[in-house]
Amino acid sequence: FILGMPRSGTTLVEQILGAHSVIG
């Protein structure tokens, strides 16, 4: 679960983790 205030960088973290082969 990725948490944080809006515009805090949560989408960035989601995209970074999503580049991993086992993460959707």
mmCIF file of all heavy atoms, coordinates in Angstrom:
data_MODEL
# 
_entry.id   MODEL 
# 
loop_
_atom_site.group_PDB 
_atom_site.id 
_atom_site.type_symbol 
_atom_site.label_atom_id 
_atom_site.label_alt_id 
_atom_site.label_comp_id 
_atom_site.label_asym_id 
_atom_site.label_entity_id 
_atom_site.label_seq_id 
_atom_site.pdbx_PDB_ins_code 
_atom_site.Cartn_x 
_atom_site.Cartn_y 
_atom_site.Cartn_z 
_atom_site.occupancy 
_atom_site.B_iso_or_equiv 
_atom_site.pdbx_formal_charge 
_atom_site.auth_seq_id 
_atom_site.auth_comp_id 
_atom_site.auth_asym_id 
_atom_site.auth_atom_id 
_atom_site.pdbx_PDB_model_num 
ATOM 1   N N   . PHE A 1 1  ? 0.848  -1.188  0.000   1.00 0.00 ? 1  PHE A N   1 
ATOM 2   C CA  . PHE A 1 1  ? 0.000  0.000   0.000   1.00 0.00 ? 1  PHE A CA  1 
ATOM 3   C C   . PHE A 1 1  ? 0.889  1.246   0.000   1.00 0.00 ? 1  PHE A C   1 
ATOM 4   O O   . PHE A 1 1  ? 1.742  1.404   0.884   1.00 0.00 ? 1  PHE A O   1 
ATOM 5   C CB  . PHE A 1 1  ? -0.920 -0.004  1.219   1.00 0.00 ? 1  PHE A CB  1 
ATOM 6   C CG  . PHE A 1 1  ? -1.911 -1.131  1.215   1.00 0.00 ? 1  PHE A CG  1 
ATOM 7   C CD1 . PHE A 1 1  ? -1.589 -2.360  1.782   1.00 0.00 ? 1  PHE A CD1 1 
ATOM 8   C CD2 . PHE A 1 1  ? -3.155 -0.981  0.617   1.00 0.00 ? 1  PHE A CD2 1 
ATOM 9   C CE1 . PHE A 1 1  ? -2.485 -3.419  1.755   1.00 0.00 ? 1  PHE A CE1 1 
ATOM 10  C CE2 . PHE A 1 1  ? -4.064 -2.034  0.584   1.00 0.00 ? 1  PHE A CE2 1 
ATOM 11  C CZ  . PHE A 1 1  ? -3.728 -3.251  1.165   1.00 0.00 ? 1  PHE A CZ  1 
ATOM 12  N N   . ILE A 1 2  ? 0.700  2.096   -1.004  1.00 0.00 ? 2  ILE A N   1 
ATOM 13  C CA  . ILE A 1 2  ? 1.475  3.336   -1.106  1.00 0.00 ? 2  ILE A CA  1 
ATOM 14  C C   . ILE A 1 2  ? 0.611  4.469   -0.567  1.00 0.00 ? 2  ILE A C   1 
ATOM 15  O O   . ILE A 1 2  ? -0.509 4.681   -1.022  1.00 0.00 ? 2  ILE A O   1 
ATOM 16  C CB  . ILE A 1 2  ? 1.894  3.603   -2.558  1.00 0.00 ? 2  ILE A CB  1 
ATOM 17  C CG1 . ILE A 1 2  ? 2.748  2.440   -3.086  1.00 0.00 ? 2  ILE A CG1 1 
ATOM 18  C CG2 . ILE A 1 2  ? 2.671  4.917   -2.660  1.00 0.00 ? 2  ILE A CG2 1 
ATOM 19  C CD1 . ILE A 1 2  ? 3.085  2.546   -4.562  1.00 0.00 ? 2  ILE A CD1 1 
ATOM 20  N N   . LEU A 1 3  ? 1.144  5.187   0.401   1.00 0.00 ? 3  LEU A N   1 
ATOM 21  C CA  . LEU A 1 3  ? 0.402  6.239   1.085   1.00 0.00 ? 3  LEU A CA  1 
ATOM 22  C C   . LEU A 1 3  ? 1.126  7.572   0.971   1.00 0.00 ? 3  LEU A C   1 
ATOM 23  O O   . LEU A 1 3  ? 2.306  7.625   0.621   1.00 0.00 ? 3  LEU A O   1 
ATOM 24  C CB  . LEU A 1 3  ? 0.228  5.875   2.562   1.00 0.00 ? 3  LEU A CB  1 
ATOM 25  C CG  . LEU A 1 3  ? -0.380 4.504   2.888   1.00 0.00 ? 3  LEU A CG  1 
ATOM 26  C CD1 . LEU A 1 3  ? -0.314 4.235   4.382   1.00 0.00 ? 3  LEU A CD1 1 
ATOM 27  C CD2 . LEU A 1 3  ? -1.811 4.427   2.384   1.00 0.00 ? 3  LEU A CD2 1 
ATOM 28  N N   . GLY A 1 4  ? 0.428  8.644   1.314   1.00 0.00 ? 4  GLY A N   1 
ATOM 29  C CA  . GLY A 1 4  ? 1.025  9.977   1.294   1.00 0.00 ? 4  GLY A CA  1 
ATOM 30  C C   . GLY A 1 4  ? -0.017 11.010  0.888   1.00 0.00 ? 4  GLY A C   1 
ATOM 31  O O   . GLY A 1 4  ? -1.063 10.664  0.330   1.00 0.00 ? 4  GLY A O   1 
ATOM 32  N N   . MET A 1 5  ? 0.255  12.255  1.165   1.00 0.00 ? 5  MET A N   1 
ATOM 33  C CA  . MET A 1 5  ? -0.625 13.320  0.714   1.00 0.00 ? 5  MET A CA  1 
ATOM 34  C C   . MET A 1 5  ? -0.618 13.396  -0.817  1.00 0.00 ? 5  MET A C   1 
ATOM 35  O O   . MET A 1 5  ? 0.353  12.990  -1.465  1.00 0.00 ? 5  MET A O   1 
ATOM 36  C CB  . MET A 1 5  ? -0.159 14.669  1.281   1.00 0.00 ? 5  MET A CB  1 
ATOM 37  C CG  . MET A 1 5  ? -0.568 14.926  2.709   1.00 0.00 ? 5  MET A CG  1 
ATOM 38  S SD  . MET A 1 5  ? -2.331 15.344  2.885   1.00 0.00 ? 5  MET A SD  1 
ATOM 39  C CE  . MET A 1 5  ? -2.371 17.042  2.267   1.00 0.00 ? 5  MET A CE  1 
ATOM 40  N N   . PRO A 1 6  ? -1.693 13.910  -1.432  1.00 0.00 ? 6  PRO A N   1 
ATOM 41  C CA  . PRO A 1 6  ? -1.646 14.140  -2.877  1.00 0.00 ? 6  PRO A CA  1 
ATOM 42  C C   . PRO A 1 6  ? -0.441 14.995  -3.243  1.00 0.00 ? 6  PRO A C   1 
ATOM 43  O O   . PRO A 1 6  ? -0.056 15.898  -2.495  1.00 0.00 ? 6  PRO A O   1 
ATOM 44  C CB  . PRO A 1 6  ? -2.955 14.906  -3.151  1.00 0.00 ? 6  PRO A CB  1 
ATOM 45  C CG  . PRO A 1 6  ? -3.862 14.535  -2.030  1.00 0.00 ? 6  PRO A CG  1 
ATOM 46  C CD  . PRO A 1 6  ? -2.981 14.346  -0.835  1.00 0.00 ? 6  PRO A CD  1 
ATOM 47  N N   . ARG A 1 7  ? 0.172  14.693  -4.385  1.00 0.00 ? 7  ARG A N   1 
ATOM 48  C CA  . ARG A 1 7  ? 1.317  15.449  -4.915  1.00 0.00 ? 7  ARG A CA  1 
ATOM 49  C C   . ARG A 1 7  ? 2.569  15.313  -4.048  1.00 0.00 ? 7  ARG A C   1 
ATOM 50  O O   . ARG A 1 7  ? 3.448  16.176  -4.048  1.00 0.00 ? 7  ARG A O   1 
ATOM 51  C CB  . ARG A 1 7  ? 0.976  16.933  -5.087  1.00 0.00 ? 7  ARG A CB  1 
ATOM 52  C CG  . ARG A 1 7  ? -0.298 17.204  -5.846  1.00 0.00 ? 7  ARG A CG  1 
ATOM 53  C CD  . ARG A 1 7  ? -0.235 16.708  -7.274  1.00 0.00 ? 7  ARG A CD  1 
ATOM 54  N NE  . ARG A 1 7  ? 0.694  17.483  -8.083  1.00 0.00 ? 7  ARG A NE  1 
ATOM 55  C CZ  . ARG A 1 7  ? 1.166  17.108  -9.272  1.00 0.00 ? 7  ARG A CZ  1 
ATOM 56  N NH1 . ARG A 1 7  ? 0.808  15.947  -9.780  1.00 0.00 ? 7  ARG A NH1 1 
ATOM 57  N NH2 . ARG A 1 7  ? 1.981  17.887  -9.939  1.00 0.00 ? 7  ARG A NH2 1 
ATOM 58  N N   . SER A 1 8  ? 2.657  14.203  -3.292  1.00 0.00 ? 8  SER A N   1 
ATOM 59  C CA  . SER A 1 8  ? 3.826  14.001  -2.435  1.00 0.00 ? 8  SER A CA  1 
ATOM 60  C C   . SER A 1 8  ? 4.872  13.095  -3.081  1.00 0.00 ? 8  SER A C   1 
ATOM 61  O O   . SER A 1 8  ? 5.965  12.923  -2.541  1.00 0.00 ? 8  SER A O   1 
ATOM 62  C CB  . SER A 1 8  ? 3.404  13.396  -1.089  1.00 0.00 ? 8  SER A CB  1 
ATOM 63  O OG  . SER A 1 8  ? 2.812  12.119  -1.282  1.00 0.00 ? 8  SER A OG  1 
ATOM 64  N N   . GLY A 1 9  ? 4.549  12.480  -4.220  1.00 0.00 ? 9  GLY A N   1 
ATOM 65  C CA  . GLY A 1 9  ? 5.478  11.580  -4.894  1.00 0.00 ? 9  GLY A CA  1 
ATOM 66  C C   . GLY A 1 9  ? 5.002  10.140  -4.913  1.00 0.00 ? 9  GLY A C   1 
ATOM 67  O O   . GLY A 1 9  ? 5.775  9.234   -5.257  1.00 0.00 ? 9  GLY A O   1 
ATOM 68  N N   . THR A 1 10 ? 3.738  9.915   -4.572  1.00 0.00 ? 10 THR A N   1 
ATOM 69  C CA  . THR A 1 10 ? 3.227  8.541   -4.517  1.00 0.00 ? 10 THR A CA  1 
ATOM 70  C C   . THR A 1 10 ? 3.172  7.882   -5.896  1.00 0.00 ? 10 THR A C   1 
ATOM 71  O O   . THR A 1 10 ? 3.455  6.694   -6.026  1.00 0.00 ? 10 THR A O   1 
ATOM 72  C CB  . THR A 1 10 ? 1.830  8.504   -3.865  1.00 0.00 ? 10 THR A CB  1 
ATOM 73  O OG1 . THR A 1 10 ? 0.958  9.412   -4.554  1.00 0.00 ? 10 THR A OG1 1 
ATOM 74  C CG2 . THR A 1 10 ? 1.918  8.917   -2.401  1.00 0.00 ? 10 THR A CG2 1 
ATOM 75  N N   . THR A 1 11 ? 2.804  8.647   -6.928  1.00 0.00 ? 11 THR A N   1 
ATOM 76  C CA  . THR A 1 11 ? 2.760  8.079   -8.276  1.00 0.00 ? 11 THR A CA  1 
ATOM 77  C C   . THR A 1 11 ? 4.164  7.718   -8.744  1.00 0.00 ? 11 THR A C   1 
ATOM 78  O O   . THR A 1 11 ? 4.362  6.694   -9.418  1.00 0.00 ? 11 THR A O   1 
ATOM 79  C CB  . THR A 1 11 ? 2.108  9.060   -9.267  1.00 0.00 ? 11 THR A CB  1 
ATOM 80  O OG1 . THR A 1 11 ? 0.796  9.390   -8.809  1.00 0.00 ? 11 THR A OG1 1 
ATOM 81  C CG2 . THR A 1 11 ? 2.006  8.448   -10.656 1.00 0.00 ? 11 THR A CG2 1 
ATOM 82  N N   . LEU A 1 12 ? 5.144  8.524   -8.383  1.00 0.00 ? 12 LEU A N   1 
ATOM 83  C CA  . LEU A 1 12 ? 6.542  8.228   -8.716  1.00 0.00 ? 12 LEU A CA  1 
ATOM 84  C C   . LEU A 1 12 ? 6.956  6.896   -8.102  1.00 0.00 ? 12 LEU A C   1 
ATOM 85  O O   . LEU A 1 12 ? 7.535  6.036   -8.783  1.00 0.00 ? 12 LEU A O   1 
ATOM 86  C CB  . LEU A 1 12 ? 7.443  9.356   -8.220  1.00 0.00 ? 12 LEU A CB  1 
ATOM 87  C CG  . LEU A 1 12 ? 8.954  9.138   -8.385  1.00 0.00 ? 12 LEU A CG  1 
ATOM 88  C CD1 . LEU A 1 12 ? 9.317  9.041   -9.862  1.00 0.00 ? 12 LEU A CD1 1 
ATOM 89  C CD2 . LEU A 1 12 ? 9.733  10.257  -7.711  1.00 0.00 ? 12 LEU A CD2 1 
ATOM 90  N N   . VAL A 1 13 ? 6.665  6.703   -6.827  1.00 0.00 ? 13 VAL A N   1 
ATOM 91  C CA  . VAL A 1 13 ? 7.026  5.452   -6.152  1.00 0.00 ? 13 VAL A CA  1 
ATOM 92  C C   . VAL A 1 13 ? 6.287  4.273   -6.782  1.00 0.00 ? 13 VAL A C   1 
ATOM 93  O O   . VAL A 1 13 ? 6.855  3.195   -6.985  1.00 0.00 ? 13 VAL A O   1 
ATOM 94  C CB  . VAL A 1 13 ? 6.733  5.547   -4.635  1.00 0.00 ? 13 VAL A CB  1 
ATOM 95  C CG1 . VAL A 1 13 ? 6.871  4.193   -3.959  1.00 0.00 ? 13 VAL A CG1 1 
ATOM 96  C CG2 . VAL A 1 13 ? 7.661  6.556   -3.977  1.00 0.00 ? 13 VAL A CG2 1 
ATOM 97  N N   . GLU A 1 14 ? 5.024  4.474   -7.110  1.00 0.00 ? 14 GLU A N   1 
ATOM 98  C CA  . GLU A 1 14 ? 4.244  3.420   -7.764  1.00 0.00 ? 14 GLU A CA  1 
ATOM 99  C C   . GLU A 1 14 ? 4.898  3.011   -9.083  1.00 0.00 ? 14 GLU A C   1 
ATOM 100 O O   . GLU A 1 14 ? 5.037  1.815   -9.373  1.00 0.00 ? 14 GLU A O   1 
ATOM 101 C CB  . GLU A 1 14 ? 2.822  3.922   -8.025  1.00 0.00 ? 14 GLU A CB  1 
ATOM 102 C CG  . GLU A 1 14 ? 1.954  2.931   -8.789  1.00 0.00 ? 14 GLU A CG  1 
ATOM 103 C CD  . GLU A 1 14 ? 0.660  3.560   -9.281  1.00 0.00 ? 14 GLU A CD  1 
ATOM 104 O OE1 . GLU A 1 14 ? 0.718  4.669   -9.873  1.00 0.00 ? 14 GLU A OE1 1 
ATOM 105 O OE2 . GLU A 1 14 ? -0.401 2.956   -9.080  1.00 0.00 ? 14 GLU A OE2 1 
ATOM 106 N N   . GLN A 1 15 ? 5.307  3.989   -9.889  1.00 0.00 ? 15 GLN A N   1 
ATOM 107 C CA  . GLN A 1 15 ? 5.930  3.699   -11.179 1.00 0.00 ? 15 GLN A CA  1 
ATOM 108 C C   . GLN A 1 15 ? 7.271  2.995   -11.011 1.00 0.00 ? 15 GLN A C   1 
ATOM 109 O O   . GLN A 1 15 ? 7.607  2.083   -11.763 1.00 0.00 ? 15 GLN A O   1 
ATOM 110 C CB  . GLN A 1 15 ? 6.114  4.993   -11.972 1.00 0.00 ? 15 GLN A CB  1 
ATOM 111 C CG  . GLN A 1 15 ? 4.840  5.524   -12.587 1.00 0.00 ? 15 GLN A CG  1 
ATOM 112 C CD  . GLN A 1 15 ? 4.311  4.600   -13.670 1.00 0.00 ? 15 GLN A CD  1 
ATOM 113 O OE1 . GLN A 1 15 ? 3.396  3.821   -13.426 1.00 0.00 ? 15 GLN A OE1 1 
ATOM 114 N NE2 . GLN A 1 15 ? 4.877  4.667   -14.854 1.00 0.00 ? 15 GLN A NE2 1 
ATOM 115 N N   . ILE A 1 16 ? 8.037  3.432   -10.031 1.00 0.00 ? 16 ILE A N   1 
ATOM 116 C CA  . ILE A 1 16 ? 9.347  2.807   -9.774  1.00 0.00 ? 16 ILE A CA  1 
ATOM 117 C C   . ILE A 1 16 ? 9.156  1.342   -9.399  1.00 0.00 ? 16 ILE A C   1 
ATOM 118 O O   . ILE A 1 16 ? 9.805  0.449   -9.964  1.00 0.00 ? 16 ILE A O   1 
ATOM 119 C CB  . ILE A 1 16 ? 10.088 3.559   -8.649  1.00 0.00 ? 16 ILE A CB  1 
ATOM 120 C CG1 . ILE A 1 16 ? 10.506 4.958   -9.129  1.00 0.00 ? 16 ILE A CG1 1 
ATOM 121 C CG2 . ILE A 1 16 ? 11.320 2.778   -8.184  1.00 0.00 ? 16 ILE A CG2 1 
ATOM 122 C CD1 . ILE A 1 16 ? 10.984 5.875   -8.015  1.00 0.00 ? 16 ILE A CD1 1 
ATOM 123 N N   . LEU A 1 17 ? 8.269  1.086   -8.455  1.00 0.00 ? 17 LEU A N   1 
ATOM 124 C CA  . LEU A 1 17 ? 8.048  -0.294  -8.015  1.00 0.00 ? 17 LEU A CA  1 
ATOM 125 C C   . LEU A 1 17 ? 7.447  -1.137  -9.138  1.00 0.00 ? 17 LEU A C   1 
ATOM 126 O O   . LEU A 1 17 ? 7.762  -2.322  -9.278  1.00 0.00 ? 17 LEU A O   1 
ATOM 127 C CB  . LEU A 1 17 ? 7.140  -0.321  -6.792  1.00 0.00 ? 17 LEU A CB  1 
ATOM 128 C CG  . LEU A 1 17 ? 7.732  0.258   -5.500  1.00 0.00 ? 17 LEU A CG  1 
ATOM 129 C CD1 . LEU A 1 17 ? 6.704  0.219   -4.375  1.00 0.00 ? 17 LEU A CD1 1 
ATOM 130 C CD2 . LEU A 1 17 ? 8.994  -0.503  -5.092  1.00 0.00 ? 17 LEU A CD2 1 
ATOM 131 N N   . GLY A 1 18 ? 6.582  -0.526  -9.958  1.00 0.00 ? 18 GLY A N   1 
ATOM 132 C CA  . GLY A 1 18 ? 5.947  -1.251  -11.045 1.00 0.00 ? 18 GLY A CA  1 
ATOM 133 C C   . GLY A 1 18 ? 6.909  -1.711  -12.125 1.00 0.00 ? 18 GLY A C   1 
ATOM 134 O O   . GLY A 1 18 ? 6.562  -2.567  -12.954 1.00 0.00 ? 18 GLY A O   1 
ATOM 135 N N   . ALA A 1 19 ? 8.122  -1.158  -12.133 1.00 0.00 ? 19 ALA A N   1 
ATOM 136 C CA  . ALA A 1 19 ? 9.134  -1.597  -13.098 1.00 0.00 ? 19 ALA A CA  1 
ATOM 137 C C   . ALA A 1 19 ? 9.755  -2.928  -12.692 1.00 0.00 ? 19 ALA A C   1 
ATOM 138 O O   . ALA A 1 19 ? 10.456 -3.567  -13.486 1.00 0.00 ? 19 ALA A O   1 
ATOM 139 C CB  . ALA A 1 19 ? 10.228 -0.527  -13.222 1.00 0.00 ? 19 ALA A CB  1 
ATOM 140 N N   . HIS A 1 20 ? 9.497  -3.362  -11.454 1.00 0.00 ? 20 HIS A N   1 
ATOM 141 C CA  . HIS A 1 20 ? 10.006 -4.652  -10.971 1.00 0.00 ? 20 HIS A CA  1 
ATOM 142 C C   . HIS A 1 20 ? 9.187  -5.780  -11.594 1.00 0.00 ? 20 HIS A C   1 
ATOM 143 O O   . HIS A 1 20 ? 7.972  -5.672  -11.745 1.00 0.00 ? 20 HIS A O   1 
ATOM 144 C CB  . HIS A 1 20 ? 9.920  -4.708  -9.445  1.00 0.00 ? 20 HIS A CB  1 
ATOM 145 C CG  . HIS A 1 20 ? 10.763 -5.774  -8.823  1.00 0.00 ? 20 HIS A CG  1 
ATOM 146 N ND1 . HIS A 1 20 ? 10.412 -7.101  -8.862  1.00 0.00 ? 20 HIS A ND1 1 
ATOM 147 C CD2 . HIS A 1 20 ? 11.952 -5.720  -8.154  1.00 0.00 ? 20 HIS A CD2 1 
ATOM 148 C CE1 . HIS A 1 20 ? 11.328 -7.817  -8.234  1.00 0.00 ? 20 HIS A CE1 1 
ATOM 149 N NE2 . HIS A 1 20 ? 12.281 -7.000  -7.797  1.00 0.00 ? 20 HIS A NE2 1 
ATOM 150 N N   . SER A 1 21 ? 9.835  -6.880  -11.909 1.00 0.00 ? 21 SER A N   1 
ATOM 151 C CA  . SER A 1 21 ? 9.178  -7.959  -12.652 1.00 0.00 ? 21 SER A CA  1 
ATOM 152 C C   . SER A 1 21 ? 8.048  -8.641  -11.895 1.00 0.00 ? 21 SER A C   1 
ATOM 153 O O   . SER A 1 21 ? 7.149  -9.225  -12.521 1.00 0.00 ? 21 SER A O   1 
ATOM 154 C CB  . SER A 1 21 ? 10.211 -9.012  -13.063 1.00 0.00 ? 21 SER A CB  1 
ATOM 155 O OG  . SER A 1 21 ? 10.813 -9.598  -11.910 1.00 0.00 ? 21 SER A OG  1 
ATOM 156 N N   . VAL A 1 22 ? 8.037  -8.596  -10.565 1.00 0.00 ? 22 VAL A N   1 
ATOM 157 C CA  . VAL A 1 22 ? 6.989  -9.307  -9.815  1.00 0.00 ? 22 VAL A CA  1 
ATOM 158 C C   . VAL A 1 22 ? 5.896  -8.380  -9.305  1.00 0.00 ? 22 VAL A C   1 
ATOM 159 O O   . VAL A 1 22 ? 4.963  -8.819  -8.647  1.00 0.00 ? 22 VAL A O   1 
ATOM 160 C CB  . VAL A 1 22 ? 7.578  -10.103 -8.614  1.00 0.00 ? 22 VAL A CB  1 
ATOM 161 C CG1 . VAL A 1 22 ? 8.647  -11.061 -9.077  1.00 0.00 ? 22 VAL A CG1 1 
ATOM 162 C CG2 . VAL A 1 22 ? 8.099  -9.179  -7.522  1.00 0.00 ? 22 VAL A CG2 1 
ATOM 163 N N   . ILE A 1 23 ? 6.023  -7.066  -9.606  1.00 0.00 ? 23 ILE A N   1 
ATOM 164 C CA  . ILE A 1 23 ? 5.074  -6.098  -9.052  1.00 0.00 ? 23 ILE A CA  1 
ATOM 165 C C   . ILE A 1 23 ? 4.142  -5.558  -10.132 1.00 0.00 ? 23 ILE A C   1 
ATOM 166 O O   . ILE A 1 23 ? 4.579  -5.152  -11.208 1.00 0.00 ? 23 ILE A O   1 
ATOM 167 C CB  . ILE A 1 23 ? 5.821  -4.925  -8.374  1.00 0.00 ? 23 ILE A CB  1 
ATOM 168 C CG1 . ILE A 1 23 ? 6.652  -5.421  -7.204  1.00 0.00 ? 23 ILE A CG1 1 
ATOM 169 C CG2 . ILE A 1 23 ? 4.823  -3.866  -7.888  1.00 0.00 ? 23 ILE A CG2 1 
ATOM 170 C CD1 . ILE A 1 23 ? 7.442  -4.331  -6.493  1.00 0.00 ? 23 ILE A CD1 1 
ATOM 171 N N   . GLY A 1 24 ? 2.861  -5.534  -9.830  1.00 0.00 ? 24 GLY A N   1 
ATOM 172 C CA  . GLY A 1 24 ? 1.867  -4.906  -10.686 1.00 0.00 ? 24 GLY A CA  1 
ATOM 173 C C   . GLY A 1 24 ? 1.254  -3.722  -9.977  1.00 0.00 ? 24 GLY A C   1 
ATOM 174 O O   . GLY A 1 24 ? 1.206  -3.685  -8.745  1.00 0.00 ? 24 GLY A O   1 
# 
